[in-house]
C-alpha atoms as a PDB file:
ATOM      1  CA  ALA A   1     136.560 119.715  92.842  1.00  0.00           C
ATOM      2  CA  GLU A   2     140.204 119.990  91.826  1.00  0.00           C
ATOM      3  CA  GLY A   3     140.520 116.209  91.814  1.00  0.00           C
ATOM      4  CA  MET A   4     137.528 115.870  89.525  1.00  0.00           C
ATOM      5  CA  VAL A   5     139.009 118.390  87.110  1.00  0.00           C
ATOM      6  CA  SER A   6     142.245 116.372  86.987  1.00  0.00           C
ATOM      7  CA  LEU A   7     140.336 113.134  86.414  1.00  0.00           C
ATOM      8  CA  SER A   8     138.231 114.693  83.694  1.00  0.00           C
ATOM      9  CA  ASP A   9     141.327 116.030  81.962  1.00  0.00           C
ATOM     10  CA  LEU A  10     142.695 112.489  82.054  1.00  0.00           C
ATOM     11  CA  PHE A  11     139.508 111.048  80.555  1.00  0.00           C
ATOM     12  CA  LYS A  12     139.732 113.515  77.679  1.00  0.00           C
ATOM     13  CA  VAL A  13     143.033 112.049  76.489  1.00  0.00           C
ATOM     14  CA  ASN A  14     143.100 108.481  77.849  1.00  0.00           C
ATOM     15  CA  THR A  15     142.113 105.829  75.312  1.00  0.00           C
ATOM     16  CA  CYS A  16     142.490 102.598  77.310  1.00  0.00           C
ATOM     17  CA  LEU A  17     140.290 102.953  80.426  1.00  0.00           C
ATOM     18  CA  LYS A  18     137.203 100.766  80.085  1.00  0.00           C
ATOM     19  CA  LYS A  19     135.632 100.925  83.550  1.00  0.00           C
ATOM     20  CA  VAL A  20     135.384 103.907  85.898  1.00  0.00           C
ATOM     21  CA  ASP A  21     133.909 103.549  89.392  1.00  0.00           C
ATOM     22  CA  LEU A  22     133.106 106.824  91.168  1.00  0.00           C
ATOM     23  CA  TYR A  23     130.630 105.409  93.679  1.00  0.00           C
ATOM     24  CA  ASN A  24     129.919 107.730  96.615  1.00  0.00           C
ATOM     25  CA  SER A  25     132.540 110.281  95.541  1.00  0.00           C
ATOM     26  CA  LEU A  26     130.551 113.413  96.488  1.00  0.00           C
ATOM     27  CA  LEU A  27     130.642 114.721  92.917  1.00  0.00           C
ATOM     28  CA  GLY A  28     127.515 116.839  93.240  1.00  0.00           C
ATOM     29  CA  ASN A  29     126.316 118.873  90.290  1.00  0.00           C
ATOM     30  CA  ALA A  30     129.663 120.610  89.812  1.00  0.00           C
ATOM     31  CA  GLY A  31     131.560 117.345  89.531  1.00  0.00           C
ATOM     32  CA  ALA A  32     128.977 115.899  87.155  1.00  0.00           C
ATOM     33  CA  ILE A  33     129.217 118.965  84.912  1.00  0.00           C
ATOM     34  CA  THR A  34     133.014 118.704  84.816  1.00  0.00           C
ATOM     35  CA  LEU A  35     132.864 114.972  84.089  1.00  0.00           C
ATOM     36  CA  SER A  36     130.280 115.421  81.349  1.00  0.00           C
ATOM     37  CA  GLU A  37     132.676 117.578  79.317  1.00  0.00           C
ATOM     38  CA  ALA A  38     135.189 114.735  79.328  1.00  0.00           C
ATOM     39  CA  LEU A  39     132.567 112.153  78.390  1.00  0.00           C
ATOM     40  CA  LYS A  40     131.718 114.150  75.281  1.00  0.00           C
ATOM     41  CA  VAL A  41     135.165 113.376  73.853  1.00  0.00           C
ATOM     42  CA  ASN A  42     136.180 110.110  75.565  1.00  0.00           C
ATOM     43  CA  ASN A  43     135.604 107.026  73.409  1.00  0.00           C
ATOM     44  CA  SER A  44     136.995 104.221  75.573  1.00  0.00           C
ATOM     45  CA  ILE A  45     134.997 104.154  78.835  1.00  0.00           C
ATOM     46  CA  GLN A  46     132.327 101.449  78.662  1.00  0.00           C
ATOM     47  CA  GLU A  47     131.165 101.143  82.286  1.00  0.00           C
ATOM     48  CA  LEU A  48     130.569 104.177  84.486  1.00  0.00           C
ATOM     49  CA  ASN A  49     129.388 104.038  88.112  1.00  0.00           C
ATOM     50  CA  LEU A  50     128.086 107.355  89.432  1.00  0.00           C
ATOM     51  CA  LYS A  51     125.863 105.892  92.147  1.00  0.00           C
ATOM     52  CA  ARG A  52     125.305 107.932  95.313  1.00  0.00           C
ATOM     53  CA  ASN A  53     126.920 111.201  94.277  1.00  0.00           C
ATOM     54  CA  GLU A  54     124.311 113.824  95.192  1.00  0.00           C
ATOM     55  CA  ILE A  55     123.773 114.632  91.519  1.00  0.00           C
ATOM     56  CA  GLY A  56     120.629 116.723  91.018  1.00  0.00           C
ATOM     57  CA  ASP A  57     118.836 118.128  88.000  1.00  0.00           C
ATOM     58  CA  GLU A  58     121.675 120.428  86.919  1.00  0.00           C
ATOM     59  CA  GLY A  59     124.153 117.564  86.901  1.00  0.00           C
ATOM     60  CA  PHE A  60     121.713 115.267  85.105  1.00  0.00           C
ATOM     61  CA  VAL A  61     121.163 117.870  82.395  1.00  0.00           C
ATOM     62  CA  ALA A  62     124.922 118.089  81.819  1.00  0.00           C
ATOM     63  CA  LEU A  63     125.414 114.322  81.816  1.00  0.00           C
ATOM     64  CA  SER A  64     122.492 113.976  79.419  1.00  0.00           C
ATOM     65  CA  GLN A  65     124.239 116.241  76.922  1.00  0.00           C
ATOM     66  CA  ALA A  66     127.227 113.904  77.080  1.00  0.00           C
ATOM     67  CA  ILE A  67     125.032 110.813  76.679  1.00  0.00           C
ATOM     68  CA  LYS A  68     123.638 112.314  73.474  1.00  0.00           C
ATOM     69  CA  ILE A  69     127.131 112.388  71.987  1.00  0.00           C
ATOM     70  CA  ASN A  70     129.054 109.561  73.679  1.00  0.00           C
ATOM     71  CA  THR A  71     129.161 106.266  71.756  1.00  0.00           C
ATOM     72  CA  SER A  72     131.292 104.071  74.032  1.00  0.00           C
ATOM     73  CA  ILE A  73     129.435 103.825  77.357  1.00  0.00           C
ATOM     74  CA  THR A  74     127.305 100.678  77.492  1.00  0.00           C
ATOM     75  CA  ASN A  75     126.542 100.548  81.222  1.00  0.00           C
ATOM     76  CA  ILE A  76     125.822 103.562  83.442  1.00  0.00           C
ATOM     77  CA  ASP A  77     124.779 103.535  87.095  1.00  0.00           C
ATOM     78  CA  LEU A  78     123.033 106.732  88.175  1.00  0.00           C
ATOM     79  CA  GLY A  79     121.261 105.219  91.158  1.00  0.00           C
ATOM     80  CA  SER A  80     120.862 106.887  94.562  1.00  0.00           C
ATOM     81  CA  ASN A  81     121.186 110.427  93.242  1.00  0.00           C
ATOM     82  CA  GLU A  82     118.868 113.425  93.563  1.00  0.00           C
ATOM     83  CA  GLU A  83     117.395 114.048  90.114  1.00  0.00           C
ATOM     84  CA  GLY A  84     113.846 115.338  89.787  1.00  0.00           C
ATOM     85  CA  ASP A  85     111.537 115.587  86.801  1.00  0.00           C
ATOM     86  CA  GLN A  86     113.802 118.088  85.033  1.00  0.00           C
ATOM     87  CA  GLY A  87     116.760 115.715  85.213  1.00  0.00           C
ATOM     88  CA  MET A  88     114.693 112.754  84.061  1.00  0.00           C
ATOM     89  CA  ILE A  89     113.285 114.730  81.131  1.00  0.00           C
ATOM     90  CA  ALA A  90     116.795 115.748  80.024  1.00  0.00           C
ATOM     91  CA  LEU A  91     118.028 112.173  80.324  1.00  0.00           C
ATOM     92  CA  SER A  92     115.015 110.919  78.388  1.00  0.00           C
ATOM     93  CA  ASP A  93     115.768 113.295  75.517  1.00  0.00           C
ATOM     94  CA  ALA A  94     119.308 111.911  75.418  1.00  0.00           C
ATOM     95  CA  LEU A  95     118.082 108.307  75.371  1.00  0.00           C
ATOM     96  CA  LYS A  96     116.018 109.053  72.289  1.00  0.00           C
ATOM     97  CA  VAL A  97     119.239 109.485  70.300  1.00  0.00           C
ATOM     98  CA  ASN A  98     121.793 107.368  72.188  1.00  0.00           C
ATOM     99  CA  THR A  99     122.475 103.997  70.547  1.00  0.00           C
ATOM    100  CA  SER A 100     125.268 102.558  72.729  1.00  0.00           C
ATOM    101  CA  LEU A 101     123.810 102.230  76.240  1.00  0.00           C
ATOM    102  CA  LEU A 102     122.708  98.696  77.077  1.00  0.00           C
ATOM    103  CA  VAL A 103     122.133  98.999  80.846  1.00  0.00           C
ATOM    104  CA  ILE A 104     120.950 101.972  82.909  1.00  0.00           C
ATOM    105  CA  ASP A 105     120.455 102.040  86.681  1.00  0.00           C
ATOM    106  CA  LEU A 106     118.167 104.795  87.989  1.00  0.00           C
ATOM    107  CA  SER A 107     117.226 103.094  91.243  1.00  0.00           C
ATOM    108  CA  VAL A 108     116.730 104.412  94.774  1.00  0.00           C
ATOM    109  CA  ASN A 109     115.368 107.857  94.081  1.00  0.00           C
ATOM    110  CA  GLU A 110     111.745 108.955  94.023  1.00  0.00           C
ATOM    111  CA  LYS A 111     110.494 109.262  90.451  1.00  0.00           C
ATOM    112  CA  GLY A 112     107.891 111.882  89.617  1.00  0.00           C
ATOM    113  CA  VAL A 113     105.132 111.039  87.173  1.00  0.00           C
ATOM    114  CA  GLU A 114     106.203 113.727  84.692  1.00  0.00           C
ATOM    115  CA  GLY A 115     109.764 112.437  84.575  1.00  0.00           C
ATOM    116  CA  MET A 116     108.646 108.831  84.183  1.00  0.00           C
ATOM    117  CA  ILE A 117     106.250 109.723  81.374  1.00  0.00           C
ATOM    118  CA  ALA A 118     109.125 111.409  79.529  1.00  0.00           C
ATOM    119  CA  PHE A 119     111.333 108.368  80.168  1.00  0.00           C
ATOM    120  CA  SER A 120     108.598 106.073  78.844  1.00  0.00           C
ATOM    121  CA  GLU A 121     108.282 108.130  75.654  1.00  0.00           C
ATOM    122  CA  ALA A 122     112.029 107.686  75.148  1.00  0.00           C
ATOM    123  CA  MET A 123     111.651 103.916  75.532  1.00  0.00           C
ATOM    124  CA  LYS A 124     109.256 103.946  72.580  1.00  0.00           C
ATOM    125  CA  ILE A 125     112.115 105.256  70.430  1.00  0.00           C
ATOM    126  CA  ASN A 126     115.287 103.795  71.962  1.00  0.00           C
ATOM    127  CA  THR A 127     116.410 100.525  70.352  1.00  0.00           C
ATOM    128  CA  SER A 128     119.594  99.714  72.294  1.00  0.00           C
ATOM    129  CA  LEU A 129     118.787  99.540  76.005  1.00  0.00           C
ATOM    130  CA  GLN A 130     118.462  95.954  77.197  1.00  0.00           C
ATOM    131  CA  GLU A 131     118.180  96.366  80.986  1.00  0.00           C
ATOM    132  CA  LEU A 132     116.356  98.961  83.097  1.00  0.00           C
ATOM    133  CA  ILE A 133     116.979  99.101  86.862  1.00  0.00           C
ATOM    134  CA  LEU A 134     114.256 101.158  88.531  1.00  0.00           C
ATOM    135  CA  HIS A 135     113.842  99.546  91.927  1.00  0.00           C
ATOM    136  CA  THR A 136     113.024 101.499  95.104  1.00  0.00           C
ATOM    137  CA  SER A 137     111.882 104.581  93.207  1.00  0.00           C
ATOM    138  CA  SER A 138     108.334 105.220  94.512  1.00  0.00           C
ATOM    139  CA  ILE A 139     106.933 104.656  91.009  1.00  0.00           C
ATOM    140  CA  VAL A 140     103.138 104.888  91.047  1.00  0.00           C
ATOM    141  CA  ASP A 141     100.479 103.400  88.770  1.00  0.00           C
ATOM    142  CA  GLU A 142     100.188 106.431  86.480  1.00  0.00           C
ATOM    143  CA  ALA A 143     103.889 106.193  85.664  1.00  0.00           C
ATOM    144  CA  ILE A 144     103.763 102.405  85.266  1.00  0.00           C
ATOM    145  CA  ILE A 145     100.862 102.714  82.812  1.00  0.00           C
ATOM    146  CA  ALA A 146     103.026 105.036  80.670  1.00  0.00           C
ATOM    147  CA  LEU A 147     105.975 102.627  80.897  1.00  0.00           C
ATOM    148  CA  ALA A 148     103.721  99.700  79.985  1.00  0.00           C
ATOM    149  CA  ASP A 149     102.582 101.527  76.852  1.00  0.00           C
ATOM    150  CA  ALA A 150     106.230 101.894  75.867  1.00  0.00           C
ATOM    151  CA  LEU A 151     106.982  98.222  76.553  1.00  0.00           C
ATOM    152  CA  LYS A 152     104.248  97.238  74.105  1.00  0.00           C
ATOM    153  CA  ILE A 153     106.301  98.930  71.384  1.00  0.00           C
ATOM    154  CA  ASN A 154     109.913  98.604  72.549  1.00  0.00           C
ATOM    155  CA  THR A 155     111.876  95.762  70.942  1.00  0.00           C
ATOM    156  CA  SER A 156     115.173  95.820  72.882  1.00  0.00           C
ATOM    157  CA  ILE A 157     114.476  95.740  76.640  1.00  0.00           C
ATOM    158  CA  GLN A 158     115.022  92.232  78.008  1.00  0.00           C
ATOM    159  CA  GLU A 159     115.229  92.839  81.777  1.00  0.00           C
ATOM    160  CA  ILE A 160     113.434  95.294  84.039  1.00  0.00           C
ATOM    161  CA  ASP A 161     113.723  95.644  87.810  1.00  0.00           C
ATOM    162  CA  LEU A 162     110.696  97.310  89.441  1.00  0.00           C
ATOM    163  CA  LEU A 163     111.223  95.924  92.947  1.00  0.00           C
ATOM    164  CA  ASP A 164     109.898  97.955  95.887  1.00  0.00           C
ATOM    165  CA  ASN A 165     107.789 100.552  94.111  1.00  0.00           C
ATOM    166  CA  GLN A 166     104.143 101.564  94.562  1.00  0.00           C
ATOM    167  CA  ILE A 167     102.563  99.499  91.815  1.00  0.00           C
ATOM    168  CA  GLU A 168      98.950  98.628  92.523  1.00  0.00           C
ATOM    169  CA  SER A 169      95.990  97.224  90.579  1.00  0.00           C
ATOM    170  CA  LYS A 170      95.909  99.665  87.629  1.00  0.00           C
ATOM    171  CA  GLY A 171      99.657  99.332  87.080  1.00  0.00           C
ATOM    172  CA  ILE A 172      99.475  95.549  87.226  1.00  0.00           C
ATOM    173  CA  ILE A 173      96.630  95.471  84.703  1.00  0.00           C
ATOM    174  CA  ALA A 174      98.735  97.611  82.349  1.00  0.00           C
ATOM    175  CA  LEU A 175     101.762  95.309  82.759  1.00  0.00           C
ATOM    176  CA  SER A 176      99.637  92.218  82.175  1.00  0.00           C
ATOM    177  CA  GLN A 177      98.686  93.660  78.795  1.00  0.00           C
ATOM    178  CA  VAL A 178     102.378  94.041  77.962  1.00  0.00           C
ATOM    179  CA  PHE A 179     102.945  90.304  78.364  1.00  0.00           C
ATOM    180  CA  LYS A 180     100.320  89.622  75.723  1.00  0.00           C
ATOM    181  CA  VAL A 181     102.206  91.493  72.983  1.00  0.00           C
ATOM    182  CA  ASN A 182     105.852  91.977  74.026  1.00  0.00           C
ATOM    183  CA  THR A 183     108.243  89.396  72.557  1.00  0.00           C
ATOM    184  CA  ASN A 184     111.618  90.457  73.977  1.00  0.00           C
ATOM    185  CA  LEU A 185     111.144  90.876  77.747  1.00  0.00           C
ATOM    186  CA  ALA A 186     112.740  87.884  79.487  1.00  0.00           C
ATOM    187  CA  VAL A 187     113.077  88.953  83.143  1.00  0.00           C
ATOM    188  CA  ILE A 188     110.914  91.176  85.356  1.00  0.00           C
ATOM    189  CA  ASN A 189     111.160  91.788  89.087  1.00  0.00           C
ATOM    190  CA  LEU A 190     107.967  92.984  90.773  1.00  0.00           C
ATOM    191  CA  ASP A 191     108.954  92.105  94.357  1.00  0.00           C
ATOM    192  CA  TRP A 192     107.532  94.201  97.185  1.00  0.00           C
ATOM    193  CA  ASN A 193     104.793  95.978  95.302  1.00  0.00           C
ATOM    194  CA  LYS A 194     101.072  95.946  96.117  1.00  0.00           C
ATOM    195  CA  LEU A 195      99.896  93.205  93.776  1.00  0.00           C
ATOM    196  CA  GLY A 196      97.211  91.478  95.841  1.00  0.00           C
ATOM    197  CA  ASP A 197      95.235  88.451  94.699  1.00  0.00           C
ATOM    198  CA  LYS A 198      93.662  90.328  91.794  1.00  0.00           C
ATOM    199  CA  GLY A 199      97.042  91.521  90.610  1.00  0.00           C
ATOM    200  CA  ILE A 200      98.400  87.984  90.561  1.00  0.00           C
ATOM    201  CA  SER A 201      95.291  86.875  88.675  1.00  0.00           C
ATOM    202  CA  ASP A 202      95.677  89.645  86.074  1.00  0.00           C
ATOM    203  CA  LEU A 203      99.366  88.827  85.590  1.00  0.00           C
ATOM    204  CA  SER A 204      98.562  85.138  85.186  1.00  0.00           C
ATOM    205  CA  GLU A 205      95.992  85.935  82.506  1.00  0.00           C
ATOM    206  CA  GLY A 206      98.474  88.112  80.636  1.00  0.00           C
ATOM    207  CA  LEU A 207     101.132  85.418  80.737  1.00  0.00           C
ATOM    208  CA  LYS A 208      98.995  82.547  79.446  1.00  0.00           C
ATOM    209  CA  ASN A 209     100.181  82.885  75.866  1.00  0.00           C
ATOM    210  CA  ASN A 210     103.523  84.616  76.495  1.00  0.00           C
ATOM    211  CA  THR A 211     106.480  82.555  75.242  1.00  0.00           C
ATOM    212  CA  THR A 212     109.445  84.845  75.963  1.00  0.00           C
ATOM    213  CA  LEU A 213     109.359  85.711  79.694  1.00  0.00           C
ATOM    214  CA  LYS A 214     111.817  83.386  81.463  1.00  0.00           C
ATOM    215  CA  LYS A 215     111.764  84.795  85.011  1.00  0.00           C
ATOM    216  CA  ILE A 216     109.245  86.726  87.068  1.00  0.00           C
ATOM    217  CA  SER A 217     109.700  87.576  90.744  1.00  0.00           C
ATOM    218  CA  LEU A 218     106.669  88.413  92.906  1.00  0.00           C
ATOM    219  CA  VAL A 219     108.051  88.217  96.448  1.00  0.00           C
ATOM    220  CA  GLY A 220     106.145  90.148  99.112  1.00  0.00           C
END
């Protein structure tokens, strides 16, 4: 904890650091709260890796307050943490107003439907995010349907990683409708979901007239 306080004090005054990697640093909620205070005033850090730090809802709420204000971070990795719906809802509120983030990694943690619906609503408003990393997150059809509705409207997201989730027929049908109207999505990874023959057929139908998707992965 003392080390995180010292680092955060540094981040409050340092103006040259561009990349900070705190992977697997056992920050927990307390460390995330301390760090968030620094991120509210720091204007140099562009890439921040907080993967695998046992950050739960309380830490996500604090970091979300910083994301609302911070204008320098373009890439944040929050994967392999412990946020629930409350944390996702707080983050989603922040993403409605943030205009600097280009890439966000929220992979490897089970996503509740309520949190994903909130996140999807934010994607209807956000105009800066270009890449979403949501693999290995136990995302079910109900959540994918909400995300698909957002992707019909969103004009900035170019890449989305949905590998190893729980997407089945209803989710695939919703995504196939996205391909008919979305004109910015270039890469999508749907590896290791439950597509089946019908899912592949639905996707194929949706892609017939799509002219912007450059890469689709359907392994497994």
